Amino acid sequence: KRIEYVPGVGIHTEKFRELTIDRAEKRRSLGYGEEDFLALTVAEMTANKNHITVLKALALLKERGQLDNIHYLICGRGEMWASLEESAKELGIADHVNFLGYRTDAPELYKASDLFAFVTFREGLSVALMEAMSSGMPIVCAKIRGNTDLIDNGVSGLFSENNPEAVAEHILALYRNPEYRKSLGQAASEKSLLFDEENVLQQVKEIYLSV
């Protein structure tokens, strides 16, 4: 008759925290330079993951003349891929969106990018979000169950209303403020330690031993 909170199944945070890459070379391999600002989403392309809102946010920035060198990388595949590509064309931002498909180098992509966008409608405790946090990325995400366990708003990431206007404002704010990005990323990396697999396993062990 006890209820215990265990923070997910845990992830190997050191794999992401301690990874070092040649950032400039990785970005060049993707077709970008150091002057480019890369927003990344790692998620299957389904309606629930809500990539379309980020695309519409970029379109708003373009309308306002604020898109500059902001690019959106989508890592994953799924049933919405074709329609999202078509939407990017219709919105006039296809040259600012890169559909990467299935990748085995997600840890390197986290390190090479500047912001993690995660405005899904529903989540549990997202592994991708925890990986991005461990990698020291600043986060813009929806304020939903799971995300609220991981992110402290304004400290380790930013909660956004799930609409293009709000997402656009958050992306633009972080694009313009590299020091704030750094601060959010460092805090996110530290917060991710609470969800490290060793900590989770220790908690589970203590629960079983107390029964």
Protein backbone atom coordinates (compact mmCIF):
# COMPACT_ATOMS: atom_id res chain seq x y z
CA LYS A 1 0.00 0.00 0.00
CA ARG A 2 2.98 2.27 -0.62
CA ILE A 3 3.47 4.60 -3.54
CA GLU A 4 7.04 5.32 -4.54
CA TYR A 5 8.31 7.76 -7.15
CA VAL A 6 11.08 6.45 -9.40
CA PRO A 7 12.41 8.83 -12.09
CA GLY A 8 11.94 6.63 -15.14
CA VAL A 9 14.20 3.81 -16.23
CA GLY A 10 17.27 6.03 -16.30
CA ILE A 11 19.80 6.79 -19.02
CA HIS A 12 23.58 6.57 -19.18
CA THR A 13 24.19 10.31 -18.82
CA GLU A 14 27.99 10.07 -19.02
CA LYS A 15 27.71 8.84 -22.61
CA PHE A 16 26.31 12.25 -23.52
CA ARG A 17 27.91 14.51 -20.90
CA GLU A 18 31.47 13.40 -21.61
CA LEU A 19 31.26 13.08 -25.40
CA THR A 20 33.63 15.36 -27.28
CA ILE A 21 33.40 15.96 -31.00
CA ASP A 22 34.84 18.24 -33.64
CA ARG A 23 31.77 20.47 -33.67
CA ALA A 24 32.80 22.46 -36.73
CA GLU A 25 33.50 19.32 -38.74
CA LYS A 26 30.22 17.71 -37.71
CA ARG A 27 28.31 20.80 -38.75
CA ARG A 28 30.19 20.92 -42.07
CA SER A 29 29.21 17.29 -42.70
CA LEU A 30 25.58 18.37 -42.34
CA GLY A 31 26.05 21.35 -44.65
CA TYR A 32 26.29 24.09 -42.00
CA GLY A 33 28.89 26.49 -40.68
CA GLU A 34 29.57 27.92 -37.23
CA GLU A 35 27.48 30.97 -38.11
CA ASP A 36 24.34 28.83 -38.48
CA PHE A 37 21.93 28.31 -35.60
CA LEU A 38 20.66 24.72 -35.46
CA ALA A 39 17.45 23.74 -33.70
CA LEU A 40 17.12 19.98 -33.36
CA THR A 41 14.27 17.56 -32.70
CA VAL A 42 14.90 13.85 -32.22
CA ALA A 43 11.52 12.15 -32.49
CA GLU A 44 9.54 9.96 -34.83
CA MET A 45 7.53 11.91 -37.38
CA THR A 46 4.01 11.39 -36.06
CA ALA A 47 1.20 13.84 -35.35
CA ASN A 48 1.80 13.57 -31.59
CA LYS A 49 5.37 14.83 -31.88
CA ASN A 50 4.03 18.05 -33.40
CA HIS A 51 6.91 19.01 -35.68
CA ILE A 52 4.45 21.11 -37.69
CA THR A 53 4.28 23.74 -34.94
CA VAL A 54 8.03 24.30 -35.15
CA LEU A 55 7.79 24.58 -38.94
CA LYS A 56 5.05 27.20 -38.59
CA ALA A 57 7.15 29.01 -35.99
CA LEU A 58 10.01 29.27 -38.49
CA ALA A 59 7.57 30.53 -41.12
CA LEU A 60 6.48 33.29 -38.72
CA LEU A 61 10.09 34.29 -38.16
CA LYS A 62 10.60 34.43 -41.91
CA GLU A 63 7.55 36.65 -42.36
CA ARG A 64 9.00 39.04 -39.79
CA GLY A 65 12.44 39.02 -41.39
CA GLN A 66 13.91 37.31 -38.31
CA LEU A 67 14.68 33.82 -39.60
CA ASP A 68 18.24 34.78 -40.51
CA ASN A 69 20.47 31.68 -40.35
CA ILE A 70 18.16 29.58 -38.13
CA HIS A 71 17.76 26.00 -39.35
CA TYR A 72 15.65 23.10 -38.11
CA LEU A 73 17.00 19.55 -38.10
CA ILE A 74 14.54 16.67 -37.69
CA CYS A 75 16.11 13.37 -36.71
CA GLY A 76 13.73 10.42 -37.11
CA ARG A 77 11.27 8.91 -39.53
CA GLY A 78 7.58 8.11 -39.58
CA GLU A 79 4.20 8.43 -41.24
CA MET A 80 4.24 12.27 -41.30
CA TRP A 81 7.53 12.61 -43.17
CA ALA A 82 6.08 13.33 -46.63
CA SER A 83 3.43 15.73 -45.35
CA LEU A 84 5.99 17.62 -43.23
CA GLU A 85 8.27 18.01 -46.24
CA GLU A 86 5.32 19.34 -48.22
CA SER A 87 4.41 21.73 -45.40
CA ALA A 88 7.96 23.07 -45.30
CA LYS A 89 7.72 23.82 -49.03
CA GLU A 90 4.29 25.44 -48.72
CA LEU A 91 5.48 27.59 -45.82
CA GLY A 92 8.47 28.73 -47.85
CA ILE A 93 11.07 27.44 -45.39
CA ALA A 94 12.23 24.23 -47.09
CA ASP A 95 15.76 25.62 -47.34
CA HIS A 96 15.80 26.02 -43.55
CA VAL A 97 14.65 22.47 -42.72
CA ASN A 98 16.74 19.31 -42.92
CA PHE A 99 15.00 15.95 -42.68
CA LEU A 100 17.79 13.70 -41.47
CA GLY A 101 15.81 10.47 -41.22
CA TYR A 102 16.99 7.59 -39.07
CA ARG A 103 20.41 8.29 -37.56
CA THR A 104 22.84 6.41 -35.39
CA ASP A 105 24.78 9.56 -34.43
CA ALA A 106 22.21 11.31 -32.22
CA PRO A 107 24.77 11.99 -29.44
CA GLU A 108 26.92 13.89 -31.95
CA LEU A 109 23.91 15.77 -33.30
CA TYR A 110 23.07 17.00 -29.80
CA LYS A 111 26.59 18.34 -29.40
CA ALA A 112 26.61 19.96 -32.85
CA SER A 113 23.26 21.75 -32.45
CA ASP A 114 22.28 24.88 -30.54
CA LEU A 115 18.79 24.18 -29.23
CA PHE A 116 16.52 21.19 -28.62
CA ALA A 117 12.89 21.75 -29.62
CA PHE A 118 10.35 19.33 -28.15
CA VAL A 119 6.76 20.55 -28.39
CA THR A 120 4.99 17.20 -28.37
CA PHE A 121 1.39 16.82 -27.21
CA ARG A 122 1.89 13.81 -24.92
CA GLU A 123 4.94 12.18 -23.35
CA GLY A 124 6.03 9.87 -20.62
CA LEU A 125 9.56 10.58 -19.43
CA SER A 126 11.21 11.24 -22.77
CA VAL A 127 14.55 9.55 -23.35
CA ALA A 128 15.39 11.97 -26.17
CA LEU A 129 14.78 14.94 -23.91
CA MET A 130 16.96 13.44 -21.18
CA GLU A 131 19.70 12.78 -23.74
CA ALA A 132 19.55 16.39 -24.94
CA MET A 133 19.72 17.62 -21.35
CA SER A 134 22.70 15.37 -20.61
CA SER A 135 24.42 16.80 -23.67
CA GLY A 136 24.08 20.32 -22.25
CA MET A 137 21.51 21.60 -24.73
CA PRO A 138 19.14 24.48 -23.98
CA ILE A 139 15.58 23.18 -24.25
CA VAL A 140 12.34 24.62 -25.60
CA CYS A 141 9.54 22.21 -24.82
CA ALA A 142 5.82 21.89 -24.19
CA LYS A 143 4.61 22.06 -20.59
CA ILE A 144 3.22 18.55 -20.41
CA ARG A 145 3.48 15.52 -18.14
CA GLY A 146 6.98 14.08 -18.23
CA ASN A 147 8.58 17.29 -19.43
CA THR A 148 7.55 18.99 -16.18
CA ASP A 149 9.46 16.32 -14.24
CA LEU A 150 12.60 17.07 -16.23
CA ILE A 151 12.64 20.83 -16.84
CA ASP A 152 12.70 23.72 -14.39
CA ASN A 153 11.26 26.59 -16.39
CA GLY A 154 13.72 29.43 -16.91
CA VAL A 155 16.51 27.43 -15.26
CA SER A 156 17.16 24.24 -17.24
CA GLY A 157 14.88 25.02 -20.17
CA LEU A 158 11.88 27.00 -21.34
CA PHE A 159 8.28 25.86 -21.37
CA SER A 160 6.36 27.06 -24.40
CA GLU A 161 2.69 27.25 -25.21
CA ASN A 162 2.01 24.78 -27.99
CA ASN A 163 1.47 27.30 -30.76
CA PRO A 164 3.72 28.77 -33.48
CA GLU A 165 3.77 32.28 -32.01
CA ALA A 166 5.08 31.17 -28.62
CA VAL A 167 7.58 28.71 -30.06
CA ALA A 168 8.88 31.37 -32.45
CA GLU A 169 9.44 33.81 -29.58
CA HIS A 170 11.33 31.24 -27.51
CA ILE A 171 13.54 30.19 -30.42
CA LEU A 172 14.29 33.82 -31.27
CA ALA A 173 15.08 34.69 -27.64
CA LEU A 174 17.64 31.89 -27.37
CA TYR A 175 19.04 32.59 -30.84
CA ARG A 176 19.81 36.13 -29.73
CA ASN A 177 21.25 35.26 -26.33
CA PRO A 178 24.16 32.78 -26.40
CA GLU A 179 24.97 33.33 -22.71
CA TYR A 180 21.43 32.38 -21.71
CA ARG A 181 21.66 29.29 -23.93
CA LYS A 182 24.86 28.32 -22.15
CA SER A 183 23.29 28.83 -18.73
CA LEU A 184 20.22 26.77 -19.58
CA GLY A 185 22.35 24.01 -21.09
CA GLN A 186 24.60 23.74 -18.05
CA ALA A 187 21.63 23.57 -15.70
CA ALA A 188 19.96 20.95 -17.89
CA SER A 189 23.08 18.80 -17.83
CA GLU A 190 23.23 18.99 -14.04
CA LYS A 191 19.51 18.21 -13.68
CA SER A 192 19.89 15.15 -15.90
CA LEU A 193 22.06 13.50 -13.25
CA LEU A 194 18.92 12.90 -11.19
CA PHE A 195 17.78 10.58 -13.96
CA ASP A 196 21.06 8.73 -14.41
CA GLU A 197 20.57 4.97 -14.55
CA GLU A 198 22.80 4.41 -11.52
CA ASN A 199 20.65 6.71 -9.39
CA VAL A 200 17.47 5.09 -10.64
CA LEU A 201 18.74 1.57 -9.98
CA GLN A 202 19.84 2.57 -6.48
CA GLN A 203 16.38 3.92 -5.73
CA VAL A 204 14.75 0.74 -6.99
CA LYS A 205 17.16 -1.33 -4.90
CA GLU A 206 16.34 0.66 -1.75
CA ILE A 207 12.61 0.22 -2.35
CA TYR A 208 12.93 -3.55 -2.69
CA LEU A 209 15.19 -3.83 0.36
CA SER A 210 12.71 -1.87 2.46
CA VAL A 211 9.83 -4.26 1.76
